[in-house]
């Protein structure tokens, strides 16, 4: 519950403190060792929700349109985000295909959807069912999202193919690149302490 007071042990010196979570923004430090106890980010809820919605729009664009168009001897081949997964499946690399699918498509999409599930009701001072469990799940998914690694692979492949034909970047390539920065901004703006405080539960 917002504005509640709870006991918290400093993670550096173990000093037991009575902490008021109601401050809107800023940093709360331990009076003994000056370690940061709580840090509320400015406009965290609004920014995280805005970045999440933007990320979902970019994710749809990244999967609905071609990433690159490779033109070679009057032939044109369009590549979408899932093309790499299909190619690995065709080569019987099922484990690698599954890993690429999870880290570049499933995990980022699920993370965005779960954050929307948590933050959209909170924007209107409501709490959706099982929000605590969903938020914990969203936090665990963060380490599984590796879109920047996939993007690096796309760029390396593009450089190598450039000498063989003409590479035309598709709209999905730009949206995918922007999506990586939007996901980073979502993580940066997210204030877990504020979320748990609004949910009225401990982490």
Protein backbone atom coordinates (compact mmCIF):
# COMPACT_ATOMS: atom_id res chain seq x y z
CA UNK A 1 0.00 0.00 0.00
CA UNK A 2 1.37 3.41 -0.99
CA UNK A 3 2.82 5.37 1.87
CA UNK A 4 3.40 2.33 4.07
CA UNK A 5 6.28 2.06 6.52
CA UNK A 6 8.25 -1.17 6.80
CA UNK A 7 11.39 -2.53 8.39
CA UNK A 8 14.41 -2.95 6.14
CA UNK A 9 17.91 -4.17 6.86
CA UNK A 10 20.72 -2.33 5.08
CA UNK A 11 22.39 -4.71 2.64
CA UNK A 12 25.82 -3.25 3.47
CA UNK A 13 25.94 -2.83 7.26
CA UNK A 14 22.79 -4.75 8.38
CA UNK A 15 21.39 -1.72 10.21
CA UNK A 16 17.67 -2.26 10.79
CA UNK A 17 15.69 0.77 9.67
CA UNK A 18 12.08 1.82 9.56
CA UNK A 19 11.61 2.91 5.94
CA UNK A 20 8.81 5.06 4.55
CA UNK A 21 8.17 4.14 0.91
CA UNK A 22 5.93 7.09 0.19
CA UNK A 23 8.57 9.44 -1.23
CA UNK A 24 7.79 10.23 -4.87
CA UNK A 25 11.30 10.21 -6.30
CA UNK A 26 14.94 10.36 -5.31
CA UNK A 27 17.30 8.20 -3.28
CA UNK A 28 17.00 6.96 0.29
CA UNK A 29 20.34 6.09 1.91
CA UNK A 30 21.42 4.30 5.06
CA UNK A 31 22.30 6.83 7.80
CA UNK A 32 25.23 4.69 8.97
CA UNK A 33 27.07 3.69 5.78
CA UNK A 34 25.29 5.78 3.09
CA UNK A 35 24.37 2.72 1.04
CA UNK A 36 21.40 3.21 -1.26
CA UNK A 37 18.30 1.58 0.26
CA UNK A 38 15.61 2.74 -2.16
CA UNK A 39 15.71 4.67 -5.39
CA UNK A 40 12.51 5.90 -6.96
CA UNK A 41 12.80 7.01 -10.57
CA UNK A 42 10.94 10.02 -11.88
CA UNK A 43 7.74 9.23 -13.82
CA UNK A 44 8.68 5.56 -13.75
CA UNK A 45 5.15 4.21 -14.22
CA UNK A 46 4.28 6.48 -17.16
CA UNK A 47 7.62 6.04 -18.91
CA UNK A 48 7.68 2.26 -18.53
CA UNK A 49 4.13 1.97 -19.86
CA UNK A 50 4.90 4.26 -22.82
CA UNK A 51 8.07 2.34 -23.70
CA UNK A 52 6.21 -0.97 -23.38
CA UNK A 53 3.45 0.06 -25.78
CA UNK A 54 6.04 1.46 -28.20
CA UNK A 55 8.00 -1.78 -27.95
CA UNK A 56 4.94 -3.88 -28.79
CA UNK A 57 4.21 -1.75 -31.88
CA UNK A 58 7.83 -2.04 -33.04
CA UNK A 59 7.79 -5.79 -32.35
CA UNK A 60 4.75 -6.26 -34.61
CA UNK A 61 6.40 -4.21 -37.38
CA UNK A 62 9.66 -6.15 -37.01
CA UNK A 63 7.86 -9.44 -37.56
CA UNK A 64 5.35 -8.32 -40.19
CA UNK A 65 7.78 -6.81 -42.70
CA UNK A 66 11.04 -7.99 -44.34
CA UNK A 67 14.34 -7.28 -42.62
CA UNK A 68 16.42 -7.21 -45.78
CA UNK A 69 15.88 -7.75 -49.49
CA UNK A 70 18.82 -9.54 -51.11
CA UNK A 71 19.01 -8.99 -54.89
CA UNK A 72 21.32 -11.20 -56.96
CA UNK A 73 21.28 -11.68 -60.74
CA UNK A 74 17.72 -10.40 -61.21
CA UNK A 75 16.50 -12.55 -58.33
CA UNK A 76 15.17 -11.04 -55.15
CA UNK A 77 14.90 -12.76 -51.76
CA UNK A 78 13.17 -11.16 -48.82
CA UNK A 79 14.17 -12.22 -45.30
CA UNK A 80 11.92 -11.89 -42.27
CA UNK A 81 12.78 -12.21 -38.61
CA UNK A 82 11.74 -15.87 -38.45
CA UNK A 83 13.77 -16.84 -41.52
CA UNK A 84 16.81 -17.70 -39.40
CA UNK A 85 14.73 -20.03 -37.24
CA UNK A 86 13.22 -21.80 -40.28
CA UNK A 87 16.68 -22.18 -41.82
CA UNK A 88 18.07 -23.79 -38.65
CA UNK A 89 15.08 -26.14 -38.54
CA UNK A 90 15.70 -27.14 -42.16
CA UNK A 91 19.27 -28.02 -41.18
CA UNK A 92 18.00 -30.16 -38.26
CA UNK A 93 19.51 -27.78 -35.70
CA UNK A 94 16.46 -27.96 -33.49
CA UNK A 95 18.12 -26.94 -30.22
CA UNK A 96 19.79 -23.90 -31.77
CA UNK A 97 16.58 -22.96 -33.59
CA UNK A 98 14.67 -23.15 -30.32
CA UNK A 99 17.28 -21.01 -28.55
CA UNK A 100 17.17 -18.34 -31.27
CA UNK A 101 13.36 -18.34 -31.21
CA UNK A 102 13.20 -17.99 -27.43
CA UNK A 103 15.88 -15.30 -27.05
CA UNK A 104 14.92 -13.11 -30.04
CA UNK A 105 11.15 -13.52 -30.33
CA UNK A 106 9.39 -15.33 -27.51
CA UNK A 107 11.21 -13.81 -24.51
CA UNK A 108 11.09 -10.14 -25.69
CA UNK A 109 7.43 -10.43 -26.72
CA UNK A 110 6.41 -12.13 -23.48
CA UNK A 111 8.34 -9.56 -21.45
CA UNK A 112 6.52 -6.70 -23.18
CA UNK A 113 3.11 -8.34 -22.79
CA UNK A 114 3.64 -9.09 -19.11
CA UNK A 115 4.82 -5.53 -18.42
CA UNK A 116 1.73 -4.20 -20.19
CA UNK A 117 -0.41 -6.51 -18.04
CA UNK A 118 1.19 -5.09 -14.90
CA UNK A 119 1.53 -1.39 -15.75
CA UNK A 120 -1.68 -0.65 -17.66
CA UNK A 121 -3.97 -1.38 -14.68
CA UNK A 122 -1.56 0.40 -12.30
CA UNK A 123 -1.86 3.51 -14.48
CA UNK A 124 -5.56 3.58 -13.53
CA UNK A 125 -4.88 2.65 -9.89
CA UNK A 126 -6.04 -0.91 -10.38
CA UNK A 127 -4.32 -4.25 -9.87
CA UNK A 128 -4.88 -7.15 -12.26
CA UNK A 129 -5.14 -10.72 -10.92
CA UNK A 130 -1.81 -12.44 -10.19
CA UNK A 131 0.11 -9.22 -10.85
CA UNK A 132 2.85 -10.12 -8.36
CA UNK A 133 3.54 -13.46 -10.04
CA UNK A 134 3.42 -11.92 -13.52
CA UNK A 135 5.83 -9.14 -12.53
CA UNK A 136 8.29 -11.64 -11.05
CA UNK A 137 8.05 -13.64 -14.28
CA UNK A 138 8.67 -10.50 -16.36
CA UNK A 139 11.76 -9.71 -14.29
CA UNK A 140 13.09 -13.25 -14.81
CA UNK A 141 12.61 -12.97 -18.58
CA UNK A 142 14.98 -10.02 -18.84
CA UNK A 143 18.09 -12.22 -18.94
CA UNK A 144 16.61 -14.32 -21.78
CA UNK A 145 16.16 -11.43 -24.18
CA UNK A 146 19.19 -11.27 -26.48
CA UNK A 147 17.94 -9.29 -29.46
CA UNK A 148 21.15 -7.28 -29.68
CA UNK A 149 23.13 -10.49 -30.32
CA UNK A 150 20.75 -11.43 -33.14
CA UNK A 151 21.01 -7.90 -34.54
CA UNK A 152 24.80 -8.19 -34.56
CA UNK A 153 24.49 -11.46 -36.49
CA UNK A 154 22.22 -9.77 -39.05
CA UNK A 155 24.72 -6.95 -39.56
CA UNK A 156 27.64 -9.36 -39.96
CA UNK A 157 25.69 -11.41 -42.51
CA UNK A 158 24.70 -8.26 -44.38
CA UNK A 159 28.32 -7.15 -44.67
CA UNK A 160 29.36 -10.54 -46.02
CA UNK A 161 26.50 -10.70 -48.54
CA UNK A 162 27.06 -7.15 -49.75
CA UNK A 163 29.93 -8.27 -51.99
CA UNK A 164 27.71 -10.88 -53.69
CA UNK A 165 24.69 -8.75 -54.52
CA UNK A 166 22.58 -5.78 -53.54
CA UNK A 167 21.29 -5.47 -49.99
CA UNK A 168 18.17 -3.37 -49.48
CA UNK A 169 17.35 -2.77 -45.79
CA UNK A 170 13.70 -3.38 -44.99
CA UNK A 171 11.48 -1.49 -42.59
CA UNK A 172 11.75 -4.37 -40.11
CA UNK A 173 15.52 -3.87 -39.84
CA UNK A 174 15.06 -0.27 -38.69
CA UNK A 175 12.18 -1.11 -36.34
CA UNK A 176 14.15 -4.04 -34.91
CA UNK A 177 17.13 -1.81 -34.24
CA UNK A 178 14.95 0.83 -32.56
CA UNK A 179 13.21 -1.91 -30.56
CA UNK A 180 16.52 -2.88 -28.94
CA UNK A 181 16.95 0.67 -27.61
CA UNK A 182 13.30 0.84 -26.53
CA UNK A 183 13.69 -2.37 -24.52
CA UNK A 184 16.81 -0.92 -22.88
CA UNK A 185 14.87 2.26 -22.07
CA UNK A 186 12.05 0.17 -20.61
CA UNK A 187 14.46 -1.59 -18.28
CA UNK A 188 16.14 1.71 -17.36
CA UNK A 189 12.86 3.46 -16.50
CA UNK A 190 11.44 0.52 -14.56
CA UNK A 191 11.30 1.04 -10.78
CA UNK A 192 10.66 -2.37 -9.15
CA UNK A 193 10.44 -0.89 -5.64
CA UNK A 194 7.64 1.43 -6.75
CA UNK A 195 5.73 -1.46 -8.33
CA UNK A 196 5.99 -3.62 -5.22
CA UNK A 197 4.92 -0.68 -3.09
CA UNK A 198 1.82 -0.14 -5.22
CA UNK A 199 1.04 -3.84 -5.00
CA UNK A 200 1.42 -3.70 -1.22
CA UNK A 201 3.62 -6.79 -1.05
CA UNK A 202 7.27 -7.46 -0.25
CA UNK A 203 9.70 -8.60 -2.92
